[in-house]
Structure formats: structure tokens, C-alpha cells
Amino acid sequence: MNIFKRAASPISSEEFAKVFRRCRPPTGWPETIAISNSGGPDSTCLLFLIQRYLSENTQATELPRRAVSIHIDHGLQECSGSMAKRCAAAAKSIGVEHYTYKIPWSQNSWPEKPQKSTFFENNARTARYRKIYEAMSDVDAKIIAMGHHKDDQVETMLMRVMKGSTSDGASGMKYIRRWGMGLGVSGLLGISTGSAHEGMRRWIIRPLLSLPKDRIYITCKHHNLSYVTDPTNLDEGLAIRNSLRKWLNDPSQLDYPFSAEALQALDKHGIDLSTGKDQVYPILQELASESENIDQEVDSIFNRNTLRSPVGTYLISCSSLSSITDLRVKRALILRILRYVSFFPWGSLYAQAHRRRHSLEQIIEKLWTSHPFQANIAPFCAGAGVGWTPVVIQGDQFRTPTRRLYDAHANSPAGWLAFRQAPSQNFINSEYWSPLEVNVTQFLAEKLAYSQKTAEFLYDSRFLVTFDLTKIPLDIQQALNNPQSNAAIWVKHRARWFWPVVVLRKDGQDTDIHFKVTLEETDLLGSLKKDIWWRKVENEVESSWVTTKFIRVLSAL
């Protein structure tokens, strides 16, 4: 059966409504949705479909009320200026508000303009996403819609399979995912820590993932939509992806010299590219379904077995772990916990120990030992800045005994606690170090100078410290506005779990302003009832103008 060509008709309103609803964020639709518009057929079609859907459902109050077209002008081709103009004209003809943003190569913190090389596409892509992130702030959009379609999904999944990705890594793009705290492997790459927390509130959606390219062309033709063609999409010298793109149109065009390792990885999944996309796609679709099932199983494990522990940590009993036997589920569970507890930007590979096989195998081997105290397993770290320690669970408390007391707890109920690791000296001296003691005086003074009502500060890529400047005490406000004052507001860490405490520092003395941390209630842990404590928090100080919330999430999205 020919999966790709059986429905050579324009995409209907009903069909698009179904895939669009699949992209709804857990928090609901925001007021504004932005569409990444390259001017090509994919994004032009998506722009039209979203605008049509919103126009046909004006009475549906839960839907976005405003669609905005965003075009990023890389300036990497001679025709980029004319492409930007045509893109703006096409958006106008559809009736969508449009903005063009140029990438300011070599200016401020922006990199040099890339030349054609091995990393050309990666560098251009990173810059594009960074500028999209800024544009979303400019147009006040919490969602960016992208025109990736079924053919793109096939390319992405095949490339990941050929790189040796596991089934979860090879599952392809998602209909919806959280933006996260940055870009790239480290999560840095130009997005400042001052705005990185916004990425936890933003979403990337791809409504067209189940629809093939030919349906998009037919839709554009049927509705007389004007679009441009990116010449790099036909330049095989730029990337393997473009070779696969040729193959999607004609299997006989696949002449790229794939490595023996890549071909072996394809064969492992029963993929033979010579059979064409219609035979390959069902195999890839099965991989995607498998990944979705694993995500759902991990969600279920979190809901059934997680014990509430100190904010920013994760606690699970050994008896709960012993019931998990599928290696794929074990791996996915550990990756989620690492991403949740790590101090590296949420969503970066650093926060998942680069998904290194050795790191994950080490964690799995130790956590799935029948009893850590009988096996004499010491606390350890295997990447992502996350420590693991065996604990004794007794009633509503847990304890972390020293190794000399392991024998005394050989038959006690045990569990594992994941926690933020104390920084090593090597990491403190690295480019990824984010200080744990920060003077926010100037930051708050600038917010006050611009009459802003709130100021949000991301601490340790884990906590969002929010200052309500309308309630700031007069004496502190006067001190902030007085350059001669020796008073300053600092955010430091306290307790074993590196919780932030806001202090007023004056004459060398620190006075606590706020020391109380809470969880993001919309996450999987928000509804947990049972409390397991290491030690009750003492000396909490709660301020009316400061809140501190742990904003990392365990959910798959």
C-alpha cells in the first residue's frame, strides 16, 4: 500500500483541525501563535492553514486569537533580500501580520557569518533559532509553529538511525515540545541566562508532521499560494539530509557514500533504502510509536512511584525500581531524572549526560541492584552534575547513612535520591559555570528605573526568583536607588540541596529577605501527597515581594 500517495488532495479544514489540536500545549493555547515563515511551500501552506482554522473558529475562545508570521533573513545568499520581500508579500496576501528579522552577524555576541563548510547548516540553524527566540519575545508569542512534514520526519529519523541512536533518540521530531532553556548541546549559544527561563513557557509545534510533501504542494496550488524555493535544498554538497531529500523523490537518486556503520545501523532496524520511502516509512512509524509508548510508561511510573523529596531532588524506592524490567524504559526514566535535577540548562544534552551509553549503563547497573547497602554501593555521579545516593526510608523520613553504617541497614527499606552535585573546581573554571552567589542589585535597580512591576531572575538554571517591585519595602528601594549606599541584594545558596536564599548585604552582614522554595505545580510532581523528608526545613523566611520556584519539569514535553 502506498502510504504517501494515497491521498493526493488538498489538506481540508477538518483534517488540519485534527492535527492542530494534537499540538495543544498542556497549559492551553496562548493569545498569540507565531509561524516560522521561510517563504517556502511548507511554511506558506502552514501559515494559510492556521489562519484559515482560526478564522473559521472565531467563537472558540480557547484558541489563539492572533497569528503572526516571522521570517528570519540570514543574509547568506544573494537572493535573501528578495526572498524576504516575497515572504512578506505572501503573508500579507493571506491576511497575516508579518515581521522580518535580520541576523546581525559579527555584532555584539553574534558569531561571524558562516561560510560553506561542514558546519554551515548547523551554524545557520543555530543562529536562526536564536533570532526566532528573540522574535517571539518581540511579538509576545509563547508558541512557534514550524512547517516540518512527513518527508522531513523521514529524513530526520533516518539520519538519527544512521548515527546509531537508540530507539528513543531515533524517534524523530515531536508534534509539540517545550523550547527549554537555550540552544545546542550546552543550552547556551547566545540565549542569555536573563531570558532562558522564558523557554520553559514556550512551545515548538509541528502540525504537518503526518502530512507528506505532495499534499502541501497540492494545497498551495489549490489555493493559489505563492512561495519561493530555497536553492540550498537542492545543493547536495551541503548535507546528507539533502541527499535523503532527493531519495524521497526518487530512490534511484541515492548515491551518497554512506559509511559501513550507517548502513549497519539501518540494517539493524530492517531498513533498506533501495526499497523506497513507502516501504521504509512504516518501520520508522513503528519506532515513533514505540517511543511514545515508552514516554507514557515513564509518566505512569512517576505518577505511581515518586516520593516527594526536598525541592530539586528526586526520590524513588528500590522496590519501585525492581518492578521496571524493560531496559528502554529504564534508560528513558534515568534521562528524565537527570534532566530534572541537573543544573545544566533544561533541554540541553549536557543535562542528560550527553545521553552517553556508558553513563546510563553505570547508573542503571547501580540503581537496579537489589539492595544498595548489601552491595555496599557508595554515592556516585555519572554525568549531568547529578549525584546519586542510596537512602534508608523509614516512615515519613529518609536518611543517608555513612558507609560504616551500611551493615546496620542491610535489611531496611531502601531507595535512591538524585540531587544536584556540588560543583567541582574544574567546572567552576569552565565556560559553563554559573555562579551560586550573585549580586542582583544592579539588575533590580534597572528594572525599577524602567518602572517595571516584576523582575525575574533564573538561578542555577533551576529556580526562578521573582521580585514583585510594586511591594518592595521603601528602605530597600531607597538603598537600591542610592549609588552611595553600601546595601546590596544578593542571591546565595543554602542547605545541602543548593536552594537559593535572597539576602540584604550591608556593612558586611547578611540579613535574610526570603528563604522558601516551592515546586512548579503544573508538573507531574505537583499532585504528590506523600512527603518524605530528609530533615524538616527550619528557619524559613517568607517575604511578600519575593517568591522562589523550582521550574524544571519531569514531564516528557
Protein backbone atom coordinates (compact mmCIF):
# COMPACT_ATOMS: atom_id res chain seq x y z
CA MET A 1 0.00 0.00 0.00
CA ASN A 2 1.38 3.40 -0.95
CA ILE A 3 1.14 5.42 2.26
CA PHE A 4 2.49 8.65 0.80
CA LYS A 5 0.39 8.92 -2.37
CA ARG A 6 -2.97 7.52 -1.49
CA ALA A 7 -4.49 10.94 -0.72
CA ALA A 8 -3.39 13.37 -3.40
CA SER A 9 -5.79 16.12 -2.40
CA PRO A 10 -5.58 19.50 -0.65
CA ILE A 11 -5.48 19.46 3.14
CA SER A 12 -9.04 20.05 4.35
CA SER A 13 -10.15 22.20 7.27
CA GLU A 14 -11.30 19.11 9.17
CA GLU A 15 -8.02 17.31 8.58
CA PHE A 16 -5.95 20.25 9.75
CA ALA A 17 -8.16 20.82 12.79
CA LYS A 18 -7.35 17.28 13.93
CA VAL A 19 -3.57 17.64 13.67
CA PHE A 20 -3.62 21.17 15.10
CA ARG A 21 -5.50 20.02 18.21
CA ARG A 22 -2.79 17.41 18.72
CA CYS A 23 -0.32 20.27 19.18
CA ARG A 24 -2.17 21.93 22.06
CA PRO A 25 0.20 22.75 24.96
CA PRO A 26 -0.62 21.29 28.40
CA THR A 27 -1.12 24.85 29.63
CA GLY A 28 -3.62 25.64 26.86
CA TRP A 29 -3.39 27.86 23.80
CA PRO A 30 -1.93 31.35 24.33
CA GLU A 31 -3.30 34.56 22.82
CA THR A 32 -0.67 34.70 20.05
CA ILE A 33 0.83 32.00 17.86
CA ALA A 34 3.86 32.75 15.69
CA ILE A 35 4.66 30.87 12.48
CA SER A 36 8.24 30.47 11.28
CA ASN A 37 7.93 31.55 7.66
CA SER A 38 10.81 30.84 5.28
CA GLY A 39 8.63 31.71 2.31
CA GLY A 40 8.81 28.14 1.01
CA PRO A 41 5.81 25.91 0.28
CA ASP A 42 5.83 24.22 3.71
CA SER A 43 5.68 27.34 5.86
CA THR A 44 3.43 29.16 3.39
CA CYS A 45 0.97 26.28 3.49
CA LEU A 46 1.12 26.15 7.29
CA LEU A 47 0.57 29.91 7.53
CA PHE A 48 -2.51 29.60 5.35
CA LEU A 49 -3.90 26.59 7.23
CA ILE A 50 -3.50 28.20 10.66
CA GLN A 51 -5.02 31.48 9.53
CA ARG A 52 -7.94 29.63 7.91
CA TYR A 53 -8.50 27.49 11.00
CA LEU A 54 -8.52 30.47 13.38
CA SER A 55 -10.79 32.46 11.04
CA GLU A 56 -13.26 29.58 10.85
CA ASN A 57 -13.32 29.16 14.64
CA THR A 58 -13.57 32.70 15.96
CA GLN A 59 -16.14 31.62 18.56
CA ALA A 60 -13.75 29.09 20.11
CA THR A 61 -12.37 31.17 22.98
CA GLU A 62 -9.72 28.58 23.89
CA LEU A 63 -7.87 29.04 20.56
CA PRO A 64 -5.22 31.68 19.78
CA ARG A 65 -6.71 34.94 18.60
CA ARG A 66 -3.66 36.26 16.74
CA ALA A 67 -1.35 34.66 14.18
CA VAL A 68 2.00 36.28 13.38
CA SER A 69 4.38 35.43 10.54
CA ILE A 70 8.11 35.59 11.37
CA HIS A 71 10.79 35.48 8.69
CA ILE A 72 14.49 35.24 9.53
CA ASP A 73 16.78 36.76 6.91
CA HIS A 74 20.16 35.01 7.23
CA GLY A 75 21.81 37.14 4.59
CA LEU A 76 23.70 34.05 3.41
CA GLN A 77 22.52 34.15 -0.21
CA GLU A 78 22.42 36.90 -2.81
CA CYS A 79 18.69 36.42 -3.13
CA SER A 80 17.95 36.56 0.62
CA GLY A 81 16.66 40.14 0.44
CA SER A 82 14.26 39.43 -2.39
CA MET A 83 13.14 36.23 -0.68
CA ALA A 84 12.32 38.23 2.46
CA LYS A 85 10.22 40.68 0.43
CA ARG A 86 8.32 37.90 -1.32
CA CYS A 87 7.76 36.21 2.02
CA ALA A 88 6.25 39.39 3.46
CA ALA A 89 4.01 39.82 0.40
CA ALA A 90 2.77 36.24 0.64
CA ALA A 91 1.92 36.64 4.33
CA LYS A 92 0.07 39.87 3.57
CA SER A 93 -1.95 38.17 0.83
CA ILE A 94 -3.05 35.51 3.34
CA GLY A 95 -4.00 38.24 5.80
CA VAL A 96 -1.39 37.51 8.48
CA GLU A 97 0.63 40.07 10.42
CA HIS A 98 4.28 39.74 9.33
CA TYR A 99 7.74 40.69 10.62
CA THR A 100 11.18 40.15 9.10
CA TYR A 101 14.28 39.91 11.33
CA LYS A 102 17.84 40.03 10.05
CA ILE A 103 20.61 38.09 11.76
CA PRO A 104 23.25 40.64 12.86
CA TRP A 105 26.32 38.56 12.06
CA SER A 106 29.51 39.65 13.89
CA GLN A 107 27.66 42.20 16.01
CA ASN A 108 27.67 42.10 19.81
CA SER A 109 27.59 38.42 20.85
CA TRP A 110 26.60 37.13 17.40
CA PRO A 111 29.13 34.88 15.59
CA GLU A 112 30.84 35.51 12.28
CA LYS A 113 28.81 34.84 9.15
CA PRO A 114 29.34 31.14 8.29
CA GLN A 115 30.93 30.10 5.04
CA LYS A 116 30.07 26.95 3.12
CA SER A 117 31.60 24.16 5.17
CA THR A 118 30.78 21.03 7.11
CA PHE A 119 29.13 23.14 9.80
CA PHE A 120 27.43 25.64 7.51
CA GLU A 121 23.89 24.38 8.00
CA ASN A 122 24.34 23.80 11.75
CA ASN A 123 25.67 27.32 12.30
CA ALA A 124 22.90 28.89 10.22
CA ARG A 125 20.27 26.82 12.02
CA THR A 126 21.55 27.80 15.47
CA ALA A 127 21.53 31.49 14.55
CA ARG A 128 18.03 31.17 13.10
CA TYR A 129 16.64 29.61 16.27
CA ARG A 130 18.31 32.23 18.42
CA LYS A 131 16.73 35.02 16.37
CA ILE A 132 13.34 33.24 16.43
CA TYR A 133 13.58 33.14 20.23
CA GLU A 134 14.17 36.90 20.30
CA ALA A 135 11.39 37.50 17.78
CA MET A 136 8.92 35.55 19.92
CA SER A 137 9.60 37.99 22.76
CA ASP A 138 9.14 40.89 20.39
CA VAL A 139 5.70 39.74 19.19
CA ASP A 140 4.66 38.31 22.58
CA ALA A 141 4.21 34.73 21.32
CA LYS A 142 4.54 31.64 23.52
CA ILE A 143 4.29 29.22 20.58
CA ILE A 144 6.23 28.98 17.34
CA ALA A 145 4.73 26.76 14.63
CA MET A 146 7.08 25.16 12.11
CA GLY A 147 6.31 23.58 8.74
CA HIS A 148 8.14 20.27 9.10
CA HIS A 149 6.19 17.50 7.37
CA LYS A 150 6.23 13.73 6.93
CA ASP A 151 9.12 13.77 4.44
CA ASP A 152 11.18 15.88 6.84
CA GLN A 153 10.38 13.39 9.59
CA VAL A 154 11.65 10.52 7.46
CA GLU A 155 14.90 12.40 6.78
CA THR A 156 15.40 13.20 10.46
CA MET A 157 14.71 9.68 11.66
CA LEU A 158 16.94 8.07 9.04
CA MET A 159 19.80 10.40 9.93
CA ARG A 160 19.42 9.57 13.62
CA VAL A 161 19.25 5.85 12.94
CA MET A 162 22.41 6.05 10.82
CA LYS A 163 24.19 7.84 13.66
CA GLY A 164 23.45 4.86 15.89
CA SER A 165 20.75 6.47 18.03
CA THR A 166 18.71 4.25 20.31
CA SER A 167 15.00 3.80 19.63
CA ASP A 168 14.08 6.81 21.78
CA GLY A 169 16.70 9.02 20.12
CA ALA A 170 15.69 7.85 16.64
CA SER A 171 12.00 8.56 17.20
CA GLY A 172 12.11 11.82 15.28
CA MET A 173 10.50 15.19 15.82
CA LYS A 174 7.51 15.68 18.11
CA TYR A 175 4.22 17.36 17.30
CA ILE A 176 4.86 19.54 20.32
CA ARG A 177 7.80 20.06 22.63
CA ARG A 178 8.90 22.60 25.17
CA TRP A 179 11.53 25.03 23.89
CA GLY A 180 13.71 24.64 27.00
CA MET A 181 16.46 26.83 28.40
CA GLY A 182 18.53 27.52 25.32
CA LEU A 183 20.07 26.01 22.20
CA GLY A 184 22.57 23.38 21.26
CA VAL A 185 24.46 20.78 23.26
CA SER A 186 25.23 23.07 26.20
CA GLY A 187 21.98 25.04 26.06
CA LEU A 188 23.88 28.31 25.80
CA LEU A 189 24.72 29.69 22.34
CA GLY A 190 23.56 33.25 22.72
CA ILE A 191 20.39 32.96 24.80
CA SER A 192 21.23 34.85 27.97
CA THR A 193 20.51 33.44 31.40
CA GLY A 194 18.34 36.53 31.92
CA SER A 195 15.77 35.19 29.45
CA ALA A 196 16.47 31.45 29.38
CA HIS A 197 13.65 30.71 31.82
CA GLU A 198 11.17 32.01 29.23
CA GLY A 199 11.94 28.90 27.20
CA MET A 200 10.18 26.80 29.85
CA ARG A 201 6.98 28.67 29.00
CA ARG A 202 7.40 28.41 25.24
CA TRP A 203 6.47 25.65 22.82
CA ILE A 204 7.52 24.47 19.38
CA ILE A 205 4.72 22.80 17.41
CA ARG A 206 4.79 20.96 14.08
CA PRO A 207 1.21 20.36 12.92
CA LEU A 208 2.17 18.96 9.48
CA LEU A 209 4.32 16.01 10.65
CA SER A 210 1.80 13.41 9.49
CA LEU A 211 1.27 15.03 6.08
CA PRO A 212 3.52 14.36 3.06
CA LYS A 213 5.18 16.99 0.90
CA ASP A 214 2.97 16.36 -2.14
CA ARG A 215 -0.15 17.22 -0.13
CA ILE A 216 1.47 20.53 0.77
CA TYR A 217 2.24 21.32 -2.88
CA ILE A 218 -1.32 20.44 -3.86
CA THR A 219 -2.74 22.65 -1.11
CA CYS A 220 -0.60 25.58 -2.25
CA LYS A 221 -1.65 25.07 -5.85
CA HIS A 222 -5.34 24.66 -4.97
CA HIS A 223 -5.40 27.94 -3.02
CA ASN A 224 -3.06 29.87 -5.34
CA LEU A 225 -0.45 30.37 -2.61
CA SER A 226 2.75 32.00 -3.79
CA TYR A 227 6.03 30.65 -2.38
CA VAL A 228 9.77 30.70 -3.01
CA THR A 229 12.28 27.82 -3.25
CA ASP A 230 15.45 27.74 -1.16
CA PRO A 231 18.30 26.88 -3.58
CA THR A 232 20.31 25.18 -0.80
CA ASN A 233 17.65 22.46 -0.60
CA LEU A 234 18.95 21.13 -3.90
CA ASP A 235 22.67 21.50 -3.09
CA GLU A 236 23.86 18.01 -2.21
CA GLY A 237 27.23 19.36 -1.11
CA LEU A 238 25.73 20.97 1.99
CA ALA A 239 24.40 17.96 3.87
CA ILE A 240 23.48 14.30 3.91
CA ARG A 241 19.93 15.45 4.59
CA ASN A 242 19.64 16.90 1.10
CA SER A 243 20.79 13.58 -0.39
CA LEU A 244 17.99 11.87 1.50
CA ARG A 245 15.65 14.58 0.23
CA LYS A 246 16.49 13.55 -3.34
CA TRP A 247 15.94 9.91 -2.40
CA LEU A 248 12.43 10.73 -1.13
CA ASN A 249 11.53 11.85 -4.62
CA ASP A 250 13.36 9.05 -6.43
CA PRO A 251 15.11 6.10 -4.67
CA SER A 252 17.48 5.75 -7.64
CA GLN A 253 18.94 9.17 -6.77
CA LEU A 254 20.51 7.87 -3.54
CA ASP A 255 24.21 7.99 -4.45
CA TYR A 256 25.69 9.43 -1.23
CA PRO A 257 28.63 7.33 0.08
CA PHE A 258 27.16 6.25 3.44
CA SER A 259 29.60 4.67 5.89
CA ALA A 260 29.57 0.98 6.73
CA GLU A 261 28.47 1.89 10.27
CA ALA A 262 25.49 3.86 8.94
CA LEU A 263 24.41 1.01 6.67
CA GLN A 264 24.80 -1.45 9.55
CA ALA A 265 22.61 0.75 11.77
CA LEU A 266 19.93 0.82 9.07
CA ASP A 267 20.09 -2.95 8.69
CA LYS A 268 19.66 -3.39 12.45
CA HIS A 269 16.18 -1.86 12.13
CA GLY A 270 15.39 -3.74 8.91
CA ILE A 271 15.64 -0.60 6.75
CA ASP A 272 16.63 -0.98 3.09
CA LEU A 273 16.71 2.42 1.37
CA SER A 274 16.63 0.84 -2.08
CA THR A 275 13.00 -0.20 -1.49
CA GLY A 276 11.86 3.43 -1.38
CA LYS A 277 10.05 5.55 1.18
CA ASP A 278 6.76 3.65 1.06
CA GLN A 279 8.46 0.56 2.48
CA VAL A 280 10.70 2.46 4.90
CA TYR A 281 8.08 4.73 6.48
CA PRO A 282 6.08 2.00 8.33
CA ILE A 283 9.31 0.91 10.07
CA LEU A 284 10.04 4.47 11.13
CA GLN A 285 6.44 4.95 12.21
CA GLU A 286 6.79 1.90 14.46
CA LEU A 287 9.90 3.45 16.04
CA ALA A 288 7.99 6.65 16.76
CA SER A 289 5.07 4.73 18.28
CA GLU A 290 7.47 2.76 20.44
CA SER A 291 8.99 5.98 21.75
CA GLU A 292 5.56 7.41 22.56
CA ASN A 293 4.65 4.24 24.46
CA ILE A 294 7.86 4.45 26.47
CA ASP A 295 7.16 8.09 27.34
CA GLN A 296 3.69 7.16 28.55
CA GLU A 297 5.07 4.29 30.63
CA VAL A 298 7.64 6.59 32.27
CA ASP A 299 4.90 9.13 33.05
CA SER A 300 2.94 6.33 34.69
CA ILE A 301 5.97 5.27 36.75
CA PHE A 302 6.45 8.82 38.01
CA ASN A 303 2.79 9.08 38.95
CA ARG A 304 2.74 5.75 40.79
CA ASN A 305 6.12 5.61 42.48
CA THR A 306 7.66 9.02 43.08
CA LEU A 307 8.08 10.08 46.71
CA ARG A 308 8.10 13.78 47.46
CA SER A 309 11.61 14.78 48.48
CA PRO A 310 13.44 18.08 49.02
CA VAL A 311 12.68 20.50 46.18
CA GLY A 312 15.03 19.97 43.25
CA THR A 313 15.77 16.32 44.12
CA TYR A 314 14.16 13.06 43.05
CA LEU A 315 13.45 10.07 45.33
CA ILE A 316 12.25 6.57 44.41
CA SER A 317 12.27 3.32 46.38
CA CYS A 318 14.27 0.26 45.37
CA SER A 319 11.08 -1.82 45.42
CA SER A 320 9.56 0.51 42.81
CA LEU A 321 12.67 0.30 40.64
CA SER A 322 12.70 -3.51 40.82
CA SER A 323 9.33 -3.66 39.05
CA ILE A 324 10.82 -1.98 35.95
CA THR A 325 12.40 -4.62 33.70
CA ASP A 326 12.41 -3.09 30.19
CA LEU A 327 15.87 -1.63 29.51
CA ARG A 328 14.38 1.03 27.22
CA VAL A 329 12.08 2.23 29.99
CA LYS A 330 14.96 2.24 32.50
CA ARG A 331 17.02 4.39 30.15
CA ALA A 332 14.17 6.83 29.49
CA LEU A 333 13.43 7.10 33.23
CA ILE A 334 17.05 7.93 34.06
CA LEU A 335 17.27 10.52 31.27
CA ARG A 336 14.17 12.29 32.61
CA ILE A 337 15.51 12.32 36.17
CA LEU A 338 18.88 13.68 35.01
CA ARG A 339 17.20 16.46 33.04
CA TYR A 340 15.02 17.31 36.05
CA VAL A 341 17.76 17.50 38.68
CA SER A 342 20.72 18.82 36.63
CA PHE A 343 21.94 22.41 36.87
CA PHE A 344 22.69 22.44 33.14
CA PRO A 345 20.05 24.19 31.01
CA TRP A 346 16.87 22.10 30.76
CA GLY A 347 16.65 20.51 27.33
CA SER A 348 20.38 20.51 26.60
CA LEU A 349 22.38 17.33 26.04
CA TYR A 350 24.58 18.37 28.97
CA ALA A 351 21.55 17.96 31.25
CA GLN A 352 21.25 14.34 30.10
CA ALA A 353 24.93 13.42 30.41
CA HIS A 354 25.14 13.72 26.60
CA ARG A 355 22.98 10.54 26.57
CA ARG A 356 26.27 8.63 26.76
CA ARG A 357 25.78 4.88 26.81
CA HIS A 358 28.50 4.35 29.43
CA SER A 359 26.98 6.89 31.85
CA LEU A 360 23.48 5.44 31.55
CA GLU A 361 24.68 1.86 31.91
CA GLN A 362 26.60 2.79 35.07
CA ILE A 363 23.54 4.44 36.64
CA ILE A 364 21.22 1.57 35.66
CA GLU A 365 23.61 -1.09 36.96
CA LYS A 366 23.81 0.54 40.39
CA LEU A 367 20.18 1.61 40.82
CA TRP A 368 18.83 -1.79 39.83
CA THR A 369 20.98 -3.64 42.34
CA SER A 370 18.57 -5.46 44.69
CA HIS A 371 19.78 -3.63 47.82
CA PRO A 372 22.43 -0.86 47.72
CA PHE A 373 23.53 -1.31 51.34
CA GLN A 374 24.01 -5.04 51.00
CA ALA A 375 26.00 -4.39 47.81
CA ASN A 376 28.00 -1.61 49.56
CA ILE A 377 27.35 0.93 46.78
CA ALA A 378 28.73 4.36 47.58
CA PRO A 379 27.18 7.66 46.43
CA PHE A 380 28.29 8.45 42.89
CA CYS A 381 27.95 10.80 39.91
CA ALA A 382 27.87 9.62 36.30
CA GLY A 383 27.30 12.91 34.48
CA ALA A 384 24.96 15.91 34.12
CA GLY A 385 26.06 17.28 37.51
CA VAL A 386 23.64 14.88 39.22
CA GLY A 387 24.65 12.88 42.28
CA TRP A 388 23.02 9.62 43.35
CA THR A 389 22.98 8.38 46.92
CA PRO A 390 21.32 5.33 48.50
CA VAL A 391 18.96 6.22 51.33
CA VAL A 392 17.07 4.48 54.10
CA ILE A 393 13.32 5.15 54.02
CA GLN A 394 11.63 4.91 57.40
CA GLY A 395 8.07 6.14 57.72
CA ASP A 396 7.93 9.75 56.59
CA GLN A 397 11.69 10.30 56.67
CA PHE A 398 14.74 9.22 54.73
CA ARG A 399 18.33 9.17 55.85
CA THR A 400 21.66 8.93 54.10
CA PRO A 401 23.83 6.70 56.31
CA THR A 402 27.61 6.70 56.09
CA ARG A 403 29.17 3.58 54.63
CA ARG A 404 30.28 2.34 58.04
CA LEU A 405 26.58 2.04 58.94
CA TYR A 406 25.58 0.16 55.79
CA ASP A 407 25.56 -3.22 57.55
CA ALA A 408 23.09 -1.89 60.13
CA HIS A 409 20.64 -1.08 57.30
CA ALA A 410 21.17 -4.17 55.19
CA ASN A 411 17.53 -5.19 55.65
CA SER A 412 15.97 -1.70 55.86
CA PRO A 413 13.68 -0.32 53.13
CA ALA A 414 15.99 1.48 50.72
CA GLY A 415 15.75 3.92 47.86
CA TRP A 416 17.78 6.24 45.67
CA LEU A 417 17.93 10.02 45.83
CA ALA A 418 19.10 12.08 42.84
CA PHE A 419 20.41 15.52 43.82
CA ARG A 420 22.35 18.47 42.48
CA GLN A 421 26.03 17.71 42.74
CA ALA A 422 28.34 20.22 44.41
CA PRO A 423 30.43 21.95 41.72
CA SER A 424 33.99 20.75 41.21
CA GLN A 425 36.86 23.19 40.83
CA ASN A 426 37.31 22.17 37.19
CA PHE A 427 33.70 23.05 36.42
CA ILE A 428 33.92 26.37 38.30
CA ASN A 429 36.73 27.36 35.96
CA SER A 430 34.84 26.32 32.81
CA GLU A 431 32.79 28.47 30.43
CA TYR A 432 29.58 26.81 31.59
CA TRP A 433 29.90 27.87 35.22
CA SER A 434 27.01 29.89 36.58
CA PRO A 435 27.90 31.48 39.96
CA LEU A 436 25.96 30.33 43.00
CA GLU A 437 26.37 33.71 44.69
CA VAL A 438 25.05 36.60 42.58
CA ASN A 439 24.69 40.33 43.25
CA VAL A 440 21.31 41.30 41.73
CA THR A 441 21.35 44.91 42.94
CA GLN A 442 22.04 46.45 39.53
CA PHE A 443 19.57 44.09 37.88
CA LEU A 444 16.77 45.21 40.22
CA ALA A 445 17.76 48.89 40.00
CA GLU A 446 17.46 48.81 36.20
CA LYS A 447 14.01 47.22 36.42
CA LEU A 448 12.91 49.93 38.86
CA ALA A 449 14.34 52.65 36.61
CA TYR A 450 12.14 51.44 33.76
CA SER A 451 9.10 51.25 36.10
CA GLN A 452 8.73 47.52 35.59
CA LYS A 453 6.41 45.78 38.03
CA THR A 454 8.26 42.48 38.27
CA ALA A 455 11.77 41.19 37.83
CA GLU A 456 12.55 37.51 37.17
CA PHE A 457 15.96 36.00 37.80
CA LEU A 458 16.97 32.45 36.81
CA TYR A 459 19.20 30.97 39.49
CA ASP A 460 21.37 27.93 38.80
CA SER A 461 19.17 27.06 35.78
CA ARG A 462 16.80 25.54 38.36
CA PHE A 463 15.00 28.21 40.33
CA LEU A 464 13.07 31.26 39.18
CA VAL A 465 13.37 34.04 41.72
CA THR A 466 10.59 36.58 41.15
CA PHE A 467 10.65 40.06 42.69
CA ASP A 468 7.35 41.97 42.92
CA LEU A 469 8.69 45.52 42.63
CA THR A 470 5.32 47.04 43.49
CA LYS A 471 5.69 45.62 47.00
CA ILE A 472 9.38 46.25 47.59
CA PRO A 473 9.93 47.80 51.06
CA LEU A 474 10.69 51.50 50.95
CA ASP A 475 14.02 51.25 52.78
CA ILE A 476 15.30 48.61 50.32
CA GLN A 477 14.05 50.62 47.33
CA GLN A 478 15.82 53.73 48.62
CA ALA A 479 19.00 51.76 49.11
CA LEU A 480 18.83 50.40 45.55
CA ASN A 481 18.26 53.89 44.14
CA ASN A 482 21.18 55.36 46.07
CA PRO A 483 24.54 54.73 44.34
CA GLN A 484 26.34 55.72 47.52
CA SER A 485 24.57 53.11 49.60
CA ASN A 486 26.61 50.13 50.71
CA ALA A 487 23.48 47.94 50.74
CA ALA A 488 23.09 45.21 48.12
CA ILE A 489 20.71 42.37 47.31
CA TRP A 490 22.40 39.03 46.82
CA VAL A 491 21.12 35.57 45.90
CA LYS A 492 23.14 32.81 47.58
CA HIS A 493 22.69 29.11 48.14
CA ARG A 494 21.88 27.36 51.37
CA ALA A 495 21.30 23.82 52.59
CA ARG A 496 22.57 20.61 51.13
CA TRP A 497 20.28 20.98 48.14
CA PHE A 498 21.64 24.34 46.90
CA TRP A 499 18.41 26.23 47.47
CA PRO A 500 18.55 29.99 46.80
CA VAL A 501 18.24 32.48 49.63
CA VAL A 502 17.78 36.21 48.97
CA VAL A 503 19.71 38.39 51.41
CA LEU A 504 20.30 42.07 52.09
CA ARG A 505 24.04 42.62 52.47
CA LYS A 506 25.02 45.73 54.39
CA ASP A 507 28.23 46.58 56.23
CA GLY A 508 29.47 43.04 55.60
CA GLN A 509 26.45 41.43 57.26
CA ASP A 510 23.76 39.37 55.51
CA THR A 511 20.12 39.54 56.56
CA ASP A 512 17.72 37.00 55.10
CA ILE A 513 14.94 38.51 52.99
CA HIS A 514 13.47 35.31 51.57
CA PHE A 515 14.24 31.64 52.04
CA LYS A 516 11.35 29.43 50.92
CA VAL A 517 11.26 27.27 47.78
CA THR A 518 8.24 25.71 46.07
CA LEU A 519 7.58 23.35 43.16
CA GLU A 520 6.03 24.15 39.79
CA GLU A 521 2.55 22.78 40.49
CA THR A 522 1.79 22.07 36.82
CA ASP A 523 4.44 19.34 36.66
CA LEU A 524 3.99 15.63 37.37
CA LEU A 525 5.13 16.14 40.97
CA GLY A 526 2.60 18.86 41.70
CA SER A 527 -0.12 16.45 42.88
CA LEU A 528 2.03 14.18 45.07
CA LYS A 529 0.58 13.76 48.54
CA LYS A 530 3.10 11.71 50.49
CA ASP A 531 6.00 13.67 51.95
CA ILE A 532 9.34 12.01 52.64
CA TRP A 533 11.76 14.33 54.41
CA TRP A 534 15.49 14.34 54.93
CA ARG A 535 15.01 16.92 57.61
CA LYS A 536 12.25 19.43 58.14
CA VAL A 537 13.15 22.85 56.80
CA GLU A 538 13.90 25.24 59.61
CA ASN A 539 14.26 29.00 59.70
CA GLU A 540 12.19 29.63 56.60
CA VAL A 541 11.82 33.33 55.83
CA GLU A 542 8.94 34.33 53.58
CA SER A 543 8.75 37.78 52.00
CA SER A 544 5.69 39.39 50.48
CA TRP A 545 7.67 40.66 47.49
CA VAL A 546 9.87 37.64 46.64
CA THR A 547 8.97 34.11 45.51
CA THR A 548 11.31 31.26 44.62
CA LYS A 549 10.04 28.39 42.48
CA PHE A 550 11.78 25.31 41.10
CA ILE A 551 10.83 25.38 37.41
CA ARG A 552 12.39 22.25 35.91
CA VAL A 553 9.87 19.57 34.90
CA LEU A 554 9.77 15.77 34.78
CA SER A 555 7.19 15.58 32.00
CA ALA A 556 8.20 14.30 28.57
CA LEU A 557 7.28 17.60 26.88
